[in-house]
C-alpha atoms as a PDB file:
ATOM      1  CA  MET A   1      -0.124   0.185  -0.181  1.00  0.00           C
ATOM      2  CA  HIS A   2       1.303   3.506  -0.930  1.00  0.00           C
ATOM      3  CA  LYS A   3       0.975   6.512   1.608  1.00  0.00           C
ATOM      4  CA  ALA A   4       0.784  10.048   0.595  1.00  0.00           C
ATOM      5  CA  GLY A   5      -0.147  13.565   1.778  1.00  0.00           C
ATOM      6  CA  PHE A   6       0.060  16.914   2.546  1.00  0.00           C
ATOM      7  CA  VAL A   7       2.499  17.842   5.959  1.00  0.00           C
ATOM      8  CA  ASN A   8       1.716  21.469   6.138  1.00  0.00           C
ATOM      9  CA  ILE A   9       3.997  23.666   8.440  1.00  0.00           C
ATOM     10  CA  VAL A  10       2.766  26.621  10.447  1.00  0.00           C
ATOM     11  CA  GLY A  11       3.602  28.795  13.172  1.00  0.00           C
ATOM     12  CA  ASN A  12       4.465  32.283  14.169  1.00  0.00           C
ATOM     13  CA  PRO A  13       7.245  34.539  12.424  1.00  0.00           C
ATOM     14  CA  ASN A  14      10.942  33.569  13.300  1.00  0.00           C
ATOM     15  CA  VAL A  15      10.359  30.377  15.116  1.00  0.00           C
ATOM     16  CA  GLY A  16      12.607  28.668  12.712  1.00  0.00           C
ATOM     17  CA  LYS A  17       9.325  26.638  10.332  1.00  0.00           C
ATOM     18  CA  SER A  18      12.216  27.319   7.453  1.00  0.00           C
ATOM     19  CA  THR A  19      15.260  25.665   8.750  1.00  0.00           C
ATOM     20  CA  LEU A  20      12.818  22.988   9.693  1.00  0.00           C
ATOM     21  CA  MET A  21      11.375  22.592   6.186  1.00  0.00           C
ATOM     22  CA  ASN A  22      14.698  21.844   4.783  1.00  0.00           C
ATOM     23  CA  LEU A  23      16.231  19.299   7.237  1.00  0.00           C
ATOM     24  CA  LEU A  24      12.714  16.999   6.707  1.00  0.00           C
ATOM     25  CA  VAL A  25      12.762  17.331   2.644  1.00  0.00           C
ATOM     26  CA  GLY A  26      16.856  17.328   2.622  1.00  0.00           C
ATOM     27  CA  GLU A  27      17.277  20.547   0.256  1.00  0.00           C
ATOM     28  CA  ARG A  28      17.130  23.995   0.630  1.00  0.00           C
ATOM     29  CA  ILE A  29      13.604  24.723  -0.894  1.00  0.00           C
ATOM     30  CA  SER A  30      12.770  27.209   1.925  1.00  0.00           C
ATOM     31  CA  ILE A  31      14.900  31.017   2.707  1.00  0.00           C
ATOM     32  CA  ALA A  32      15.416  30.918   6.031  1.00  0.00           C
ATOM     33  CA  THR A  33      17.351  33.989   8.042  1.00  0.00           C
ATOM     34  CA  PHE A  34      17.388  35.352  11.806  1.00  0.00           C
ATOM     35  CA  LYS A  35      15.172  37.945  10.045  1.00  0.00           C
ATOM     36  CA  ALA A  36      11.354  37.620  10.786  1.00  0.00           C
ATOM     37  CA  GLN A  37       8.889  37.498   7.308  1.00  0.00           C
ATOM     38  CA  THR A  38      11.476  35.892   5.401  1.00  0.00           C
ATOM     39  CA  THR A  39       9.349  33.419   3.915  1.00  0.00           C
ATOM     40  CA  ARG A  40       5.962  35.478   1.448  1.00  0.00           C
ATOM     41  CA  HIS A  41       4.612  32.531  -0.418  1.00  0.00           C
ATOM     42  CA  ARG A  42       3.148  28.642   0.126  1.00  0.00           C
ATOM     43  CA  ILE A  43       6.170  26.364  -0.421  1.00  0.00           C
ATOM     44  CA  MET A  44       6.167  22.768  -1.372  1.00  0.00           C
ATOM     45  CA  GLY A  45       9.034  20.363  -0.640  1.00  0.00           C
ATOM     46  CA  ILE A  46       8.452  16.896  -1.669  1.00  0.00           C
ATOM     47  CA  VAL A  47      10.057  13.742  -0.371  1.00  0.00           C
ATOM     48  CA  ASN A  48       9.478  11.047  -2.266  1.00  0.00           C
ATOM     49  CA  THR A  49      10.391   7.024  -1.309  1.00  0.00           C
ATOM     50  CA  GLU A  50       9.279   3.273  -3.213  1.00  0.00           C
ATOM     51  CA  ASP A  51       6.168   3.455  -0.915  1.00  0.00           C
ATOM     52  CA  MET A  52       5.540   7.026   0.284  1.00  0.00           C
ATOM     53  CA  GLN A  53       5.282  10.913  -1.181  1.00  0.00           C
ATOM     54  CA  ILE A  54       5.660  13.597   1.454  1.00  0.00           C
ATOM     55  CA  VAL A  55       4.407  16.680   0.764  1.00  0.00           C
ATOM     56  CA  PHE A  56       6.044  19.003   2.861  1.00  0.00           C
ATOM     57  CA  SER A  57       4.616  23.085   2.688  1.00  0.00           C
ATOM     58  CA  ASP A  58       6.332  25.858   4.544  1.00  0.00           C
ATOM     59  CA  THR A  59       3.762  29.181   4.983  1.00  0.00           C
ATOM     60  CA  PRO A  60       4.521  32.809   5.951  1.00  0.00           C
ATOM     61  CA  GLY A  61       4.975  33.297   9.909  1.00  0.00           C
ATOM     62  CA  VAL A  62       1.187  34.331  10.970  1.00  0.00           C
ATOM     63  CA  LEU A  63       0.384  37.928  11.526  1.00  0.00           C
ATOM     64  CA  LYS A  64      -1.584  40.405  11.777  1.00  0.00           C
ATOM     65  CA  PRO A  65      -1.488  42.114   8.915  1.00  0.00           C
ATOM     66  CA  ASN A  66      -0.723  45.821   8.152  1.00  0.00           C
ATOM     67  CA  TYR A  67      -0.822  45.838   4.103  1.00  0.00           C
ATOM     68  CA  LYS A  68      -2.078  43.943   1.246  1.00  0.00           C
ATOM     69  CA  LEU A  69       1.437  41.844   0.938  1.00  0.00           C
ATOM     70  CA  GLN A  70       0.606  40.688   4.647  1.00  0.00           C
ATOM     71  CA  GLU A  71      -2.820  40.438   4.022  1.00  0.00           C
ATOM     72  CA  SER A  72      -1.562  37.411   1.303  1.00  0.00           C
ATOM     73  CA  MET A  73       0.741  36.147   3.739  1.00  0.00           C
ATOM     74  CA  LEU A  74      -1.561  35.299   6.029  1.00  0.00           C
ATOM     75  CA  GLN A  75      -4.025  33.623   3.584  1.00  0.00           C
ATOM     76  CA  PHE A  76      -1.432  31.532   2.322  1.00  0.00           C
ATOM     77  CA  SER A  77      -0.992  30.413   5.897  1.00  0.00           C
ATOM     78  CA  GLU A  78      -4.456  29.490   6.320  1.00  0.00           C
ATOM     79  CA  SER A  79      -5.069  27.941   3.458  1.00  0.00           C
ATOM     80  CA  ALA A  80      -2.636  25.527   4.867  1.00  0.00           C
ATOM     81  CA  LEU A  81      -4.888  24.919   7.625  1.00  0.00           C
ATOM     82  CA  VAL A  82      -7.936  23.752   4.591  1.00  0.00           C
ATOM     83  CA  ASP A  83      -5.829  20.462   2.539  1.00  0.00           C
ATOM     84  CA  ALA A  84      -3.319  18.943   5.623  1.00  0.00           C
ATOM     85  CA  ASP A  85      -3.367  15.955   5.890  1.00  0.00           C
ATOM     86  CA  VAL A  86      -1.208  16.015   9.355  1.00  0.00           C
ATOM     87  CA  LEU A  87      -0.543  19.880  10.456  1.00  0.00           C
ATOM     88  CA  VAL A  88       2.929  20.625  12.229  1.00  0.00           C
ATOM     89  CA  TYR A  89       2.488  24.546  14.326  1.00  0.00           C
ATOM     90  CA  VAL A  90       6.112  25.215  15.002  1.00  0.00           C
ATOM     91  CA  THR A  91       6.846  27.104  18.187  1.00  0.00           C
ATOM     92  CA  ASP A  92       9.711  28.187  20.019  1.00  0.00           C
ATOM     93  CA  THR A  93      10.268  28.551  23.671  1.00  0.00           C
ATOM     94  CA  ILE A  94      10.543  32.076  23.780  1.00  0.00           C
ATOM     95  CA  GLU A  95       7.171  32.954  22.046  1.00  0.00           C
ATOM     96  CA  LYS A  96       3.734  32.928  24.335  1.00  0.00           C
ATOM     97  CA  PRO A  97       1.156  30.749  23.787  1.00  0.00           C
ATOM     98  CA  ASP A  98      -1.074  33.324  23.630  1.00  0.00           C
ATOM     99  CA  LYS A  99       0.180  35.290  20.341  1.00  0.00           C
ATOM    100  CA  ASN A 100      -2.132  34.950  17.410  1.00  0.00           C
ATOM    101  CA  ALA A 101      -5.074  33.243  19.851  1.00  0.00           C
ATOM    102  CA  ASP A 102      -7.427  33.631  16.777  1.00  0.00           C
ATOM    103  CA  PHE A 103      -4.956  31.480  14.756  1.00  0.00           C
ATOM    104  CA  VAL A 104      -4.803  28.915  17.338  1.00  0.00           C
ATOM    105  CA  GLU A 105      -8.013  29.084  17.663  1.00  0.00           C
ATOM    106  CA  LYS A 106      -8.442  27.459  14.199  1.00  0.00           C
ATOM    107  CA  VAL A 107      -5.854  24.816  14.695  1.00  0.00           C
ATOM    108  CA  ARG A 108      -7.569  23.798  17.700  1.00  0.00           C
ATOM    109  CA  ALA A 109     -10.471  23.079  15.601  1.00  0.00           C
ATOM    110  CA  MET A 110      -8.985  20.640  13.218  1.00  0.00           C
ATOM    111  CA  GLN A 111      -9.462  17.008  13.004  1.00  0.00           C
ATOM    112  CA  VAL A 112      -6.058  15.668  11.061  1.00  0.00           C
ATOM    113  CA  PRO A 113      -3.366  14.792  13.400  1.00  0.00           C
ATOM    114  CA  ILE A 114      -1.607  17.862  14.905  1.00  0.00           C
ATOM    115  CA  LEU A 115       2.384  17.872  15.836  1.00  0.00           C
ATOM    116  CA  LEU A 116       2.959  20.869  18.114  1.00  0.00           C
ATOM    117  CA  LEU A 117       6.866  21.099  17.740  1.00  0.00           C
ATOM    118  CA  ILE A 118       8.836  23.480  20.515  1.00  0.00           C
ATOM    119  CA  ASN A 119      11.678  24.542  18.591  1.00  0.00           C
ATOM    120  CA  LYS A 120      15.301  26.340  20.322  1.00  0.00           C
ATOM    121  CA  ILE A 121      14.787  23.755  23.574  1.00  0.00           C
ATOM    122  CA  ASP A 122      18.593  24.436  23.280  1.00  0.00           C
ATOM    123  CA  LEU A 123      17.598  27.566  24.948  1.00  0.00           C
ATOM    124  CA  SER A 124      15.622  26.919  27.825  1.00  0.00           C
ATOM    125  CA  ASN A 125      15.608  25.214  30.656  1.00  0.00           C
ATOM    126  CA  GLN A 126      14.057  22.110  31.816  1.00  0.00           C
ATOM    127  CA  LYS A 127      11.792  23.622  34.387  1.00  0.00           C
ATOM    128  CA  ALA A 128      10.884  26.280  31.777  1.00  0.00           C
ATOM    129  CA  LEU A 129      10.174  23.402  29.116  1.00  0.00           C
ATOM    130  CA  THR A 130       8.184  21.244  30.889  1.00  0.00           C
ATOM    131  CA  GLU A 131       5.709  24.431  32.001  1.00  0.00           C
ATOM    132  CA  GLN A 132       5.543  25.357  27.781  1.00  0.00           C
ATOM    133  CA  VAL A 133       4.223  21.544  27.222  1.00  0.00           C
ATOM    134  CA  GLU A 134       1.562  22.187  29.983  1.00  0.00           C
ATOM    135  CA  THR A 135       0.357  25.595  28.602  1.00  0.00           C
ATOM    136  CA  TRP A 136       0.775  24.078  24.666  1.00  0.00           C
ATOM    137  CA  HIS A 137      -1.778  21.321  26.233  1.00  0.00           C
ATOM    138  CA  GLU A 138      -3.574  23.201  27.065  1.00  0.00           C
ATOM    139  CA  GLN A 139      -4.316  25.340  24.701  1.00  0.00           C
ATOM    140  CA  ILE A 140      -3.953  22.760  21.836  1.00  0.00           C
ATOM    141  CA  PRO A 141      -4.933  19.679  23.668  1.00  0.00           C
ATOM    142  CA  GLN A 142      -5.546  16.894  20.781  1.00  0.00           C
ATOM    143  CA  ALA A 143      -1.621  18.334  19.947  1.00  0.00           C
ATOM    144  CA  GLU A 144       0.995  15.600  20.023  1.00  0.00           C
ATOM    145  CA  ILE A 145       3.838  17.835  21.908  1.00  0.00           C
ATOM    146  CA  ILE A 146       7.516  17.004  21.127  1.00  0.00           C
ATOM    147  CA  PRO A 147      10.311  19.075  21.866  1.00  0.00           C
ATOM    148  CA  ILE A 148      13.349  20.029  19.077  1.00  0.00           C
ATOM    149  CA  SER A 149      15.966  21.700  18.220  1.00  0.00           C
ATOM    150  CA  ALA A 150      16.376  22.620  14.387  1.00  0.00           C
ATOM    151  CA  THR A 151      19.451  24.378  15.060  1.00  0.00           C
ATOM    152  CA  ASN A 152      21.121  20.982  16.488  1.00  0.00           C
ATOM    153  CA  LYS A 153      18.947  18.545  14.317  1.00  0.00           C
ATOM    154  CA  PHE A 154      17.221  17.461  17.222  1.00  0.00           C
ATOM    155  CA  ASN A 155      14.344  15.072  17.739  1.00  0.00           C
ATOM    156  CA  VAL A 156      13.841  16.270  13.622  1.00  0.00           C
ATOM    157  CA  ASP A 157      14.079  12.480  12.956  1.00  0.00           C
ATOM    158  CA  VAL A 158      11.801  11.641  15.954  1.00  0.00           C
ATOM    159  CA  VAL A 159       9.344  14.100  13.939  1.00  0.00           C
ATOM    160  CA  MET A 160      10.258  12.399  10.477  1.00  0.00           C
ATOM    161  CA  LYS A 161       9.400   9.252  11.925  1.00  0.00           C
ATOM    162  CA  ARG A 162       6.140  10.293  13.162  1.00  0.00           C
ATOM    163  CA  ILE A 163       5.405  12.240   9.967  1.00  0.00           C
ATOM    164  CA  LYS A 164       5.720   8.880   8.017  1.00  0.00           C
ATOM    165  CA  GLU A 165       2.899   6.782  10.961  1.00  0.00           C
ATOM    166  CA  LEU A 166       0.837   9.554  10.750  1.00  0.00           C
ATOM    167  CA  LEU A 167       0.203   9.306   6.159  1.00  0.00           C
ATOM    168  CA  PRO A 168      -3.120   8.054   5.374  1.00  0.00           C
ATOM    169  CA  ASP A 169      -2.800   5.651   2.473  1.00  0.00           C
ATOM    170  CA  SER A 170      -2.782   7.061  -0.709  1.00  0.00           C
ATOM    171  CA  PRO A 171      -1.710   7.383  -4.273  1.00  0.00           C
ATOM    172  CA  PRO A 172       1.185   9.820  -4.972  1.00  0.00           C
ATOM    173  CA  PHE A 173      -0.102  13.320  -6.169  1.00  0.00           C
ATOM    174  CA  PHE A 174       3.394  14.153  -7.777  1.00  0.00           C
ATOM    175  CA  GLU A 175       5.758  12.797  -9.780  1.00  0.00           C
ATOM    176  CA  LYS A 176       8.059  10.681  -8.247  1.00  0.00           C
ATOM    177  CA  ASN A 177      11.537  12.920  -9.529  1.00  0.00           C
ATOM    178  CA  GLN A 178       9.584  16.322  -8.945  1.00  0.00           C
ATOM    179  CA  LEU A 179      11.019  17.866  -5.781  1.00  0.00           C
ATOM    180  CA  THR A 180       8.447  21.116  -5.172  1.00  0.00           C
ATOM    181  CA  ASP A 181       5.708  22.758  -6.556  1.00  0.00           C
ATOM    182  CA  LYS A 182       7.433  26.006  -7.976  1.00  0.00           C
ATOM    183  CA  PRO A 183       9.291  26.973 -10.972  1.00  0.00           C
ATOM    184  CA  ALA A 184      13.296  27.464 -10.900  1.00  0.00           C
ATOM    185  CA  ARG A 185      12.285  31.261 -11.434  1.00  0.00           C
ATOM    186  CA  PHE A 186      10.923  31.308  -8.357  1.00  0.00           C
ATOM    187  CA  PHE A 187      13.961  29.807  -6.402  1.00  0.00           C
ATOM    188  CA  VAL A 188      15.980  32.685  -8.205  1.00  0.00           C
ATOM    189  CA  THR A 189      14.054  35.192  -6.940  1.00  0.00           C
ATOM    190  CA  GLU A 190      13.432  33.810  -2.973  1.00  0.00           C
ATOM    191  CA  ILE A 191      18.165  33.429  -3.539  1.00  0.00           C
ATOM    192  CA  ILE A 192      18.114  36.767  -4.317  1.00  0.00           C
ATOM    193  CA  ARG A 193      15.495  38.090  -1.792  1.00  0.00           C
ATOM    194  CA  GLU A 194      17.510  35.640   0.562  1.00  0.00           C
ATOM    195  CA  LYS A 195      20.439  37.562   0.301  1.00  0.00           C
ATOM    196  CA  ILE A 196      19.420  41.640   0.288  1.00  0.00           C
ATOM    197  CA  LEU A 197      17.772  40.477   3.800  1.00  0.00           C
ATOM    198  CA  LEU A 198      20.940  39.605   5.340  1.00  0.00           C
ATOM    199  CA  TYR A 199      22.952  42.380   4.457  1.00  0.00           C
ATOM    200  CA  TYR A 200      20.480  45.114   4.315  1.00  0.00           C
ATOM    201  CA  ASP A 201      19.073  46.838   7.541  1.00  0.00           C
ATOM    202  CA  LYS A 202      15.607  47.697   8.837  1.00  0.00           C
ATOM    203  CA  GLU A 203      12.636  48.571   6.576  1.00  0.00           C
ATOM    204  CA  ILE A 204      15.157  48.459   3.003  1.00  0.00           C
ATOM    205  CA  PRO A 205      14.646  43.999   3.105  1.00  0.00           C
ATOM    206  CA  TYR A 206      10.580  44.458   3.343  1.00  0.00           C
ATOM    207  CA  ALA A 207      10.288  46.749   0.563  1.00  0.00           C
ATOM    208  CA  VAL A 208      11.904  44.860  -1.430  1.00  0.00           C
ATOM    209  CA  GLU A 209      10.446  42.429  -4.281  1.00  0.00           C
ATOM    210  CA  VAL A 210      12.626  40.357  -6.935  1.00  0.00           C
ATOM    211  CA  SER A 211      11.290  39.562 -10.510  1.00  0.00           C
ATOM    212  CA  VAL A 212      12.997  37.103 -13.008  1.00  0.00           C
ATOM    213  CA  GLU A 213      12.893  39.036 -16.759  1.00  0.00           C
ATOM    214  CA  SER A 214      13.998  36.438 -18.430  1.00  0.00           C
ATOM    215  CA  PHE A 215      16.045  32.866 -17.841  1.00  0.00           C
ATOM    216  CA  MET A 216      17.985  31.119 -20.542  1.00  0.00           C
ATOM    217  CA  GLU A 217      19.158  28.070 -19.555  1.00  0.00           C
ATOM    218  CA  THR A 218      21.761  25.498 -21.659  1.00  0.00           C
ATOM    219  CA  GLU A 219      23.215  22.220 -20.747  1.00  0.00           C
ATOM    220  CA  LYS A 220      26.044  23.932 -18.808  1.00  0.00           C
ATOM    221  CA  ASN A 221      25.066  27.550 -18.322  1.00  0.00           C
ATOM    222  CA  ILE A 222      21.870  29.922 -16.920  1.00  0.00           C
ATOM    223  CA  ASN A 223      21.724  33.275 -18.004  1.00  0.00           C
ATOM    224  CA  ILE A 224      18.898  35.586 -15.931  1.00  0.00           C
ATOM    225  CA  ASN A 225      18.141  38.978 -15.758  1.00  0.00           C
ATOM    226  CA  ALA A 226      16.638  40.100 -12.970  1.00  0.00           C
ATOM    227  CA  VAL A 227      14.379  43.477 -11.402  1.00  0.00           C
ATOM    228  CA  ILE A 228      15.307  43.945  -7.896  1.00  0.00           C
ATOM    229  CA  TYR A 229      12.085  46.422  -6.840  1.00  0.00           C
ATOM    230  CA  VAL A 230      11.584  48.987  -4.147  1.00  0.00           C
ATOM    231  CA  GLU A 231       9.378  51.402  -3.361  1.00  0.00           C
ATOM    232  CA  ARG A 232      11.430  54.825  -2.733  1.00  0.00           C
ATOM    233  CA  ASP A 233      13.852  56.387  -4.905  1.00  0.00           C
ATOM    234  CA  SER A 234      15.878  56.576  -1.160  1.00  0.00           C
ATOM    235  CA  GLN A 235      15.418  52.843  -0.887  1.00  0.00           C
ATOM    236  CA  LYS A 236      16.836  52.270  -4.856  1.00  0.00           C
ATOM    237  CA  GLY A 237      19.991  54.168  -3.486  1.00  0.00           C
ATOM    238  CA  ILE A 238      20.392  52.383  -0.327  1.00  0.00           C
ATOM    239  CA  ILE A 239      20.531  48.943  -2.799  1.00  0.00           C
ATOM    240  CA  ILE A 240      22.872  49.915  -5.051  1.00  0.00           C
ATOM    241  CA  GLY A 241      25.358  51.817  -2.991  1.00  0.00           C
ATOM    242  CA  HIS A 242      28.378  54.218  -3.496  1.00  0.00           C
ATOM    243  CA  GLN A 243      28.764  53.825  -6.978  1.00  0.00           C
ATOM    244  CA  GLY A 244      27.208  50.548  -6.984  1.00  0.00           C
ATOM    245  CA  LYS A 245      29.550  48.371  -4.284  1.00  0.00           C
ATOM    246  CA  ALA A 246      25.933  47.148  -2.241  1.00  0.00           C
ATOM    247  CA  ILE A 247      24.661  45.853  -5.111  1.00  0.00           C
ATOM    248  CA  LYS A 248      27.902  44.404  -6.770  1.00  0.00           C
ATOM    249  CA  LYS A 249      28.939  42.667  -3.494  1.00  0.00           C
ATOM    250  CA  VAL A 250      25.117  40.790  -2.648  1.00  0.00           C
ATOM    251  CA  MET A 251      24.508  39.625  -6.523  1.00  0.00           C
ATOM    252  CA  THR A 252      27.889  38.324  -5.922  1.00  0.00           C
ATOM    253  CA  GLU A 253      26.403  35.906  -3.104  1.00  0.00           C
ATOM    254  CA  ALA A 254      23.650  35.285  -5.196  1.00  0.00           C
ATOM    255  CA  ARG A 255      24.895  34.411  -8.055  1.00  0.00           C
ATOM    256  CA  ARG A 256      27.538  31.730  -6.096  1.00  0.00           C
ATOM    257  CA  GLU A 257      24.402  30.609  -4.445  1.00  0.00           C
ATOM    258  CA  LEU A 258      22.313  30.280  -7.447  1.00  0.00           C
ATOM    259  CA  GLU A 259      25.422  28.151  -8.755  1.00  0.00           C
ATOM    260  CA  ARG A 260      25.906  25.647  -6.310  1.00  0.00           C
ATOM    261  CA  PHE A 261      21.816  25.604  -6.329  1.00  0.00           C
ATOM    262  CA  PHE A 262      21.406  24.741  -9.979  1.00  0.00           C
ATOM    263  CA  ASP A 263      24.848  23.030 -10.395  1.00  0.00           C
ATOM    264  CA  LYS A 264      25.479  25.162 -13.216  1.00  0.00           C
ATOM    265  CA  THR A 265      27.507  28.675 -14.240  1.00  0.00           C
ATOM    266  CA  ILE A 266      25.189  31.521 -13.691  1.00  0.00           C
ATOM    267  CA  TYR A 267      25.299  34.820 -16.027  1.00  0.00           C
ATOM    268  CA  LEU A 268      23.039  36.752 -13.460  1.00  0.00           C
ATOM    269  CA  GLU A 269      22.460  40.949 -14.483  1.00  0.00           C
ATOM    270  CA  THR A 270      20.300  43.097 -12.293  1.00  0.00           C
ATOM    271  CA  PHE A 271      18.390  45.924 -12.242  1.00  0.00           C
ATOM    272  CA  VAL A 272      16.481  48.472  -9.965  1.00  0.00           C
ATOM    273  CA  LYS A 273      13.098  49.588 -10.152  1.00  0.00           C
ATOM    274  CA  VAL A 274      10.985  52.174  -8.163  1.00  0.00           C
ATOM    275  CA  ASP A 275       7.104  50.889  -7.538  1.00  0.00           C
ATOM    276  CA  LYS A 276       5.479  52.908  -5.354  1.00  0.00           C
ATOM    277  CA  ASP A 277       3.777  51.031  -2.385  1.00  0.00           C
ATOM    278  CA  TRP A 278       3.874  47.589  -4.733  1.00  0.00           C
ATOM    279  CA  ARG A 279       3.106  46.008  -1.094  1.00  0.00           C
ATOM    280  CA  SER A 280      -0.769  47.377  -0.668  1.00  0.00           C
ATOM    281  CA  ASN A 281      -1.051  47.333  -4.811  1.00  0.00           C
ATOM    282  CA  GLU A 282      -3.609  44.322  -5.163  1.00  0.00           C
ATOM    283  CA  LYS A 283      -2.526  44.347  -9.286  1.00  0.00           C
ATOM    284  CA  GLU A 284       1.300  44.645  -8.623  1.00  0.00           C
ATOM    285  CA  LEU A 285       0.726  41.533  -5.934  1.00  0.00           C
ATOM    286  CA  LYS A 286      -0.868  39.227  -7.956  1.00  0.00           C
ATOM    287  CA  SER A 287       1.838  39.645 -10.379  1.00  0.00           C
ATOM    288  CA  PHE A 288       4.840  39.081  -7.975  1.00  0.00           C
ATOM    289  CA  GLY A 289       2.685  35.864  -7.468  1.00  0.00           C
ATOM    290  CA  TYR A 290       0.194  36.625  -4.075  1.00  0.00           C
ATOM    291  CA  ASN A 291      -3.322  35.142  -5.215  1.00  0.00           C
ATOM    292  CA  PRO A 292      -3.402  32.195  -3.220  1.00  0.00           C
ATOM    293  CA  GLU A 293      -6.780  32.050  -3.283  1.00  0.00           C
END
């Protein structure tokens, strides 16, 4: 009998969801940085064995939206509650259990198996962890609670074992050689955006979106033209930097990461353009792929 199912990973920002996703999939599918709101889309990573297909799904961190981009991000997270065969709710030892109570209430109402993972236990102690487990058990009584440390890979194998045990009997949903539901261009935009998140401070990374204008692939090379959109002229200046040094450094890092990802020589050309208030413009958001419905 073949097993297959959607294992959807949800939780608040900065609890380590993307790091966990990459460990479970065994590939670097989601960008993971120390900054909140790194993940903006719902990203699937597919694990195949002879008798099993696990479709992991990483979602944006749950937050109260302040503009249309965040509304779309919340829709991606809530959509993961609809089609899950197993729900993985990630929290950590720092987060208060009453944060985003509305979303927790929706999780509590679910009828599918729920694994509640308390991440970053290396930053806690036994007494505090025990109290947290008890509090979360009151919040979501049906959840199976597993303390983990994604950074140290502690108990990640236990989580994977439980997921495999909980998967329903089903034929596969995707081709057996498929790793993700996203096209190659998507990972170009994510890798460039990750380097911007790591290099620039304050509001800049959150005002940035990346679009791939052309992606020309040969047997050994990939030629990529990408546009970095910002909301203000002042942000454009910061992205480019004095004599173009900032953008050159960031794109060199992105090109190296892309070469590792695609295992090909990458020729990367980027431009910076101003698209005023794109985060609040519904039409612009749809053109960037923020349309979960």
